[in-house]
């Protein structure tokens, strides 16, 4: 009898604790891990979309960005999957297809089962960029050089099996050429610097980073790896328009996730609040000014997107 009473009290206490946690959460500032360096597109956008977190109509507590770059995101996501606290105060920024492609290829401690998605804030296509003084003015120029000089055309990207690399693989396959893809250690920001400094002949990078670099007069953008032209770059044709069979598999979806094991009531609170936080007019204005395309999705929509991308990537990466 006493055992039954104790068990019942324990269950009741758990229910009260969970309810109290959901009501009080969050009661201190949160941290969001970005697995790329400061100044790149993910870091730049993460700081914008979280800037209103402390508002009373949002979480009521600020979110601090912590950078853990390295190995195309592997360092940060390995840490997030294996060491981050699952108490709701440690969030992570995800990049798809990056972490999904990396988990498919192996050698990492995470997969889609390691994380719980909360909401998506953007969809950033990959673009091919060259220095402002480059002799290349179109993807036809790039392909022609690559055919005449197999393996000699150097181009940068943020790492292996990230969106940049996937776009690079698709471009090579579509054009029937072999180029020299050079993954950088500092993510998209370092990859862009390599193009601007003339260390490489070109690069695949995020549209948002490339937009800002082109506005500054540092690069030319030759093609977009998406199904349609971008509203930010209406004069830049897609790869398909230029005769290259490159779809939107490399488009970089960015959003917020938490580690597996985070309490359900916390996930529900975040899932109900974060999409509206992304929709703030100040956020939208700053994202637009930075050439950063927004694509807001709720938790259920992100779960579906992750599953669809995983299926596509398994097929795309088979045999590589």
Protein backbone atom coordinates (compact mmCIF):
# COMPACT_ATOMS: atom_id res chain seq x y z
CA UNK A 1 0.00 0.00 0.00
CA UNK A 2 2.79 2.38 0.98
CA UNK A 3 4.68 1.52 -2.25
CA UNK A 4 1.62 2.33 -4.34
CA UNK A 5 1.19 5.66 -2.53
CA UNK A 6 4.84 6.58 -3.07
CA UNK A 7 4.66 5.62 -6.76
CA UNK A 8 1.50 7.67 -7.21
CA UNK A 9 3.00 10.66 -5.45
CA UNK A 10 6.10 10.43 -7.62
CA UNK A 11 4.03 10.44 -10.81
CA UNK A 12 1.98 13.40 -9.56
CA UNK A 13 5.15 15.28 -8.62
CA UNK A 14 6.64 14.68 -12.06
CA UNK A 15 3.50 16.08 -13.64
CA UNK A 16 3.59 19.15 -11.44
CA UNK A 17 7.31 19.60 -12.09
CA UNK A 18 6.82 19.37 -15.84
CA UNK A 19 3.97 21.84 -15.74
CA UNK A 20 5.91 24.23 -13.54
CA UNK A 21 8.94 23.97 -15.81
CA UNK A 22 6.89 24.79 -18.88
CA UNK A 23 5.32 27.75 -17.08
CA UNK A 24 8.61 29.14 -15.75
CA UNK A 25 10.83 28.30 -18.74
CA UNK A 26 13.01 30.06 -19.57
CA UNK A 27 14.07 31.74 -16.33
CA UNK A 28 17.63 32.56 -17.40
CA UNK A 29 19.45 33.45 -20.65
CA UNK A 30 19.88 30.79 -23.33
CA UNK A 31 22.85 29.87 -25.52
CA UNK A 32 22.77 28.87 -29.18
CA UNK A 33 25.69 27.01 -30.70
CA UNK A 34 26.67 27.88 -34.27
CA UNK A 35 29.03 25.34 -35.79
CA UNK A 36 30.62 27.88 -38.14
CA UNK A 37 32.87 30.87 -37.54
CA UNK A 38 31.90 34.45 -36.79
CA UNK A 39 31.10 36.53 -39.85
CA UNK A 40 29.77 33.73 -42.05
CA UNK A 41 26.18 33.48 -43.19
CA UNK A 42 24.97 31.16 -40.43
CA UNK A 43 26.53 33.28 -37.68
CA UNK A 44 25.36 36.52 -39.31
CA UNK A 45 21.78 35.30 -39.60
CA UNK A 46 21.66 33.56 -36.21
CA UNK A 47 22.47 36.85 -34.49
CA UNK A 48 19.67 38.60 -36.39
CA UNK A 49 16.91 36.02 -35.88
CA UNK A 50 17.60 35.77 -32.14
CA UNK A 51 17.91 39.50 -31.45
CA UNK A 52 14.31 39.81 -30.21
CA UNK A 53 14.41 36.69 -28.00
CA UNK A 54 14.40 38.82 -24.84
CA UNK A 55 11.14 40.55 -25.76
CA UNK A 56 8.13 39.74 -23.58
CA UNK A 57 6.20 38.53 -26.65
CA UNK A 58 9.07 36.10 -27.41
CA UNK A 59 11.03 34.05 -24.86
CA UNK A 60 11.57 36.90 -22.42
CA UNK A 61 15.23 35.95 -22.17
CA UNK A 62 18.15 36.75 -24.49
CA UNK A 63 19.99 34.16 -26.57
CA UNK A 64 23.80 34.33 -26.72
CA UNK A 65 25.57 32.93 -29.80
CA UNK A 66 28.53 30.61 -29.19
CA UNK A 67 30.71 29.63 -32.16
CA UNK A 68 32.23 26.14 -32.35
CA UNK A 69 33.61 25.99 -35.91
CA UNK A 70 35.66 23.29 -37.58
CA UNK A 71 35.56 20.47 -40.14
CA UNK A 72 32.58 21.86 -42.06
CA UNK A 73 30.38 21.91 -38.96
CA UNK A 74 31.38 18.50 -37.59
CA UNK A 75 33.13 19.90 -34.50
CA UNK A 76 30.08 21.83 -33.34
CA UNK A 77 27.47 19.20 -34.13
CA UNK A 78 29.54 16.40 -32.56
CA UNK A 79 29.71 18.49 -29.39
CA UNK A 80 26.00 19.29 -29.55
CA UNK A 81 25.02 15.63 -29.97
CA UNK A 82 27.30 14.24 -27.27
CA UNK A 83 28.02 16.95 -24.69
CA UNK A 84 25.38 19.69 -24.81
CA UNK A 85 22.89 19.86 -21.94
CA UNK A 86 19.37 18.79 -22.91
CA UNK A 87 17.66 21.17 -20.49
CA UNK A 88 16.36 23.63 -23.07
CA UNK A 89 18.98 26.27 -22.35
CA UNK A 90 21.41 24.99 -24.98
CA UNK A 91 20.08 25.45 -28.50
CA UNK A 92 21.86 24.70 -31.74
CA UNK A 93 21.71 26.14 -35.23
CA UNK A 94 21.28 23.44 -37.88
CA UNK A 95 22.32 23.55 -41.51
CA UNK A 96 20.65 21.20 -43.98
CA UNK A 97 21.89 19.48 -46.12
CA UNK A 98 25.18 19.78 -44.21
CA UNK A 99 24.69 17.72 -41.07
CA UNK A 100 22.47 15.17 -42.80
CA UNK A 101 24.96 14.59 -45.64
CA UNK A 102 27.81 14.29 -43.15
CA UNK A 103 25.91 11.70 -41.12
CA UNK A 104 25.17 9.71 -44.29
CA UNK A 105 28.86 9.64 -45.23
CA UNK A 106 29.81 8.59 -41.69
CA UNK A 107 32.59 9.43 -39.29
CA UNK A 108 30.45 11.68 -37.08
CA UNK A 109 28.55 11.18 -33.82
CA UNK A 110 25.20 12.51 -35.01
CA UNK A 111 22.26 11.89 -37.32
CA UNK A 112 18.74 13.25 -37.62
CA UNK A 113 17.89 11.06 -34.59
CA UNK A 114 20.35 13.03 -32.42
CA UNK A 115 18.38 16.27 -32.51
CA UNK A 116 14.87 17.69 -32.16
CA UNK A 117 14.04 20.44 -34.68
CA UNK A 118 12.29 23.55 -33.41
CA UNK A 119 11.84 25.92 -36.38
CA UNK A 120 13.46 26.98 -39.65
CA UNK A 121 14.32 30.59 -40.42
CA UNK A 122 15.93 30.59 -43.88
CA UNK A 123 16.77 28.87 -47.16
CA UNK A 124 20.02 30.11 -48.68
CA UNK A 125 20.95 28.79 -52.16
CA UNK A 126 24.53 28.08 -53.17
CA UNK A 127 26.05 30.33 -55.84
CA UNK A 128 29.24 30.21 -57.90
CA UNK A 129 31.42 33.27 -57.34
CA UNK A 130 34.64 34.61 -58.81
CA UNK A 131 36.78 37.63 -58.02
CA UNK A 132 35.60 40.98 -59.33
CA UNK A 133 38.47 41.07 -61.85
CA UNK A 134 38.09 37.44 -62.99
CA UNK A 135 38.12 36.60 -66.70
CA UNK A 136 35.07 34.40 -66.11
CA UNK A 137 31.71 36.07 -66.76
CA UNK A 138 29.42 33.04 -66.93
CA UNK A 139 29.26 29.37 -66.00
CA UNK A 140 30.01 28.62 -69.68
CA UNK A 141 33.37 30.34 -69.20
CA UNK A 142 34.05 28.28 -66.08
CA UNK A 143 33.12 25.01 -67.78
CA UNK A 144 35.17 25.81 -70.87
CA UNK A 145 38.29 26.45 -68.78
CA UNK A 146 37.69 23.31 -66.71
CA UNK A 147 37.38 21.17 -69.85
CA UNK A 148 40.60 22.57 -71.30
CA UNK A 149 42.43 22.30 -67.96
CA UNK A 150 41.22 19.19 -66.07
CA UNK A 151 41.67 19.52 -62.31
CA UNK A 152 43.29 22.95 -62.60
CA UNK A 153 40.34 25.18 -61.74
CA UNK A 154 40.55 25.76 -57.98
CA UNK A 155 37.44 26.79 -56.11
CA UNK A 156 36.64 27.11 -52.41
CA UNK A 157 33.79 26.05 -50.17
CA UNK A 158 32.95 25.80 -46.46
CA UNK A 159 33.84 22.12 -46.04
CA UNK A 160 33.15 18.57 -47.13
CA UNK A 161 29.56 17.40 -47.67
CA UNK A 162 28.11 20.81 -46.85
CA UNK A 163 25.76 22.57 -49.27
CA UNK A 164 28.73 24.14 -51.09
CA UNK A 165 30.35 20.75 -51.69
CA UNK A 166 27.09 19.17 -52.84
CA UNK A 167 26.58 22.00 -55.35
CA UNK A 168 30.20 21.56 -56.49
CA UNK A 169 29.68 17.83 -57.05
CA UNK A 170 26.50 18.53 -59.02
CA UNK A 171 28.22 21.16 -61.18
CA UNK A 172 31.12 18.82 -61.99
CA UNK A 173 28.76 15.97 -62.84
CA UNK A 174 26.44 18.16 -64.95
CA UNK A 175 29.33 19.71 -66.89
CA UNK A 176 31.34 16.48 -67.19
CA UNK A 177 34.45 18.16 -65.79
CA UNK A 178 36.86 17.73 -62.89
CA UNK A 179 37.74 20.80 -60.83
CA UNK A 180 39.75 21.21 -57.62
CA UNK A 181 37.36 21.82 -54.73
CA UNK A 182 39.23 23.26 -51.73
CA UNK A 183 37.36 23.11 -48.39
CA UNK A 184 38.37 25.89 -46.00
CA UNK A 185 38.80 25.62 -42.25
CA UNK A 186 36.91 28.80 -41.37
CA UNK A 187 33.59 28.06 -43.05
CA UNK A 188 31.88 30.29 -45.62
CA UNK A 189 33.59 33.47 -44.47
CA UNK A 190 37.06 31.98 -45.02
CA UNK A 191 35.96 30.48 -48.34
CA UNK A 192 34.80 33.90 -49.54
CA UNK A 193 38.03 35.56 -48.38
CA UNK A 194 39.99 33.03 -50.46
CA UNK A 195 38.07 34.11 -53.58
CA UNK A 196 38.45 37.82 -52.89
CA UNK A 197 42.19 37.43 -52.16
CA UNK A 198 42.76 35.51 -55.40
CA UNK A 199 43.91 32.38 -53.58
CA UNK A 200 41.45 30.36 -55.66
CA UNK A 201 39.93 30.93 -59.10
CA UNK A 202 36.37 30.76 -57.84
CA UNK A 203 34.14 29.42 -55.13
CA UNK A 204 30.77 28.02 -54.19
CA UNK A 205 29.27 30.02 -51.35
CA UNK A 206 26.01 31.14 -49.76
CA UNK A 207 23.89 33.55 -51.74
CA UNK A 208 23.62 35.82 -48.69
CA UNK A 209 27.40 36.07 -48.20
CA UNK A 210 27.91 36.49 -51.95
CA UNK A 211 25.25 39.20 -52.13
CA UNK A 212 27.07 41.30 -49.54
CA UNK A 213 30.45 40.67 -51.19
CA UNK A 214 29.11 41.67 -54.59
CA UNK A 215 27.49 44.81 -53.14
CA UNK A 216 30.95 45.71 -51.82
CA UNK A 217 32.42 45.22 -55.30
CA UNK A 218 34.56 42.23 -54.31
CA UNK A 219 33.06 39.39 -56.39
CA UNK A 220 30.93 38.49 -59.38
CA UNK A 221 28.14 35.93 -59.01
CA UNK A 222 27.84 33.70 -62.07
CA UNK A 223 25.09 31.23 -61.25
CA UNK A 224 22.54 30.15 -58.62
CA UNK A 225 22.06 26.49 -57.62
CA UNK A 226 18.29 26.61 -57.25
CA UNK A 227 15.18 26.00 -59.32
CA UNK A 228 14.39 29.70 -59.75
CA UNK A 229 16.28 32.98 -59.77
CA UNK A 230 16.59 34.76 -56.44
CA UNK A 231 14.73 38.00 -55.77
CA UNK A 232 18.01 39.31 -54.35
CA UNK A 233 19.84 38.54 -57.64
CA UNK A 234 17.26 38.87 -60.39
CA UNK A 235 19.93 39.29 -63.09
CA UNK A 236 21.87 36.12 -62.16
CA UNK A 237 20.65 33.00 -64.00
CA UNK A 238 20.24 29.62 -62.38
CA UNK A 239 22.59 26.77 -63.25
CA UNK A 240 19.76 25.14 -65.19
CA UNK A 241 19.25 28.27 -67.28
CA UNK A 242 22.93 27.94 -68.24
CA UNK A 243 22.58 24.33 -69.35
CA UNK A 244 23.73 22.62 -66.15
CA UNK A 245 21.45 20.03 -64.55
CA UNK A 246 21.80 21.31 -60.99
CA UNK A 247 18.67 21.33 -58.83
CA UNK A 248 18.01 22.72 -55.33
CA UNK A 249 19.56 19.83 -53.34
CA UNK A 250 22.30 22.13 -52.03
CA UNK A 251 19.99 24.91 -50.79
CA UNK A 252 21.05 25.66 -47.21
CA UNK A 253 18.13 25.46 -44.79
CA UNK A 254 18.93 27.06 -41.43
CA UNK A 255 17.05 26.83 -38.17
CA UNK A 256 17.04 25.98 -34.49
CA UNK A 257 17.20 22.58 -32.83
CA UNK A 258 17.76 21.09 -29.38
CA UNK A 259 19.51 17.87 -28.31
CA UNK A 260 17.53 14.66 -28.14
CA UNK A 261 16.27 14.18 -24.59
CA UNK A 262 15.14 17.77 -24.11
CA UNK A 263 11.88 17.73 -22.07
CA UNK A 264 8.76 17.63 -24.29
CA UNK A 265 7.20 20.62 -22.54
CA UNK A 266 10.30 22.69 -23.34
CA UNK A 267 10.20 21.60 -26.98
CA UNK A 268 6.52 22.57 -27.12
CA UNK A 269 7.24 26.00 -25.63
CA UNK A 270 10.05 26.67 -28.07
CA UNK A 271 8.10 25.32 -31.05
CA UNK A 272 5.18 27.62 -30.21
CA UNK A 273 7.35 30.72 -29.73
CA UNK A 274 10.36 30.64 -32.05
CA UNK A 275 8.58 30.84 -35.45
CA UNK A 276 6.79 34.00 -34.33
CA UNK A 277 10.13 35.37 -33.13
CA UNK A 278 11.48 34.87 -36.65
CA UNK A 279 8.48 36.74 -38.08
CA UNK A 280 9.33 39.94 -36.18
CA UNK A 281 9.41 42.91 -38.58
CA UNK A 282 12.82 44.10 -37.30
CA UNK A 283 14.25 40.66 -38.01
CA UNK A 284 12.78 40.61 -41.52
CA UNK A 285 14.16 44.08 -42.28
CA UNK A 286 17.70 43.21 -41.17
CA UNK A 287 17.66 39.89 -43.01
CA UNK A 288 16.55 41.60 -46.22
CA UNK A 289 19.24 44.27 -45.89
CA UNK A 290 21.84 41.51 -45.57
CA UNK A 291 20.64 39.63 -48.65
CA UNK A 292 19.49 36.74 -46.48
CA UNK A 293 16.43 34.86 -47.81
CA UNK A 294 13.92 33.87 -45.15
CA UNK A 295 11.90 30.66 -45.22
CA UNK A 296 10.06 30.18 -41.93
CA UNK A 297 8.80 26.70 -41.07
CA UNK A 298 7.30 25.31 -37.88
CA UNK A 299 8.46 22.14 -36.13
CA UNK A 300 6.18 19.77 -38.06
CA UNK A 301 7.25 21.26 -41.39
CA UNK A 302 10.94 20.97 -40.46
CA UNK A 303 10.51 17.32 -39.48
CA UNK A 304 9.08 16.67 -42.95
CA UNK A 305 11.86 18.69 -44.62
CA UNK A 306 14.60 16.76 -42.78
CA UNK A 307 13.09 13.44 -43.86
CA UNK A 308 12.73 14.52 -47.49
CA UNK A 309 16.30 15.88 -47.65
CA UNK A 310 17.69 12.72 -46.09
CA UNK A 311 16.01 10.58 -48.76
CA UNK A 312 17.29 12.84 -51.57
CA UNK A 313 20.83 12.98 -50.19
CA UNK A 314 21.11 9.21 -49.76
CA UNK A 315 20.40 8.86 -53.46
CA UNK A 316 22.64 11.76 -54.48
CA UNK A 317 25.62 10.63 -52.39
CA UNK A 318 25.39 6.92 -53.22
CA UNK A 319 28.72 5.72 -54.50
CA UNK A 320 30.67 8.84 -53.53
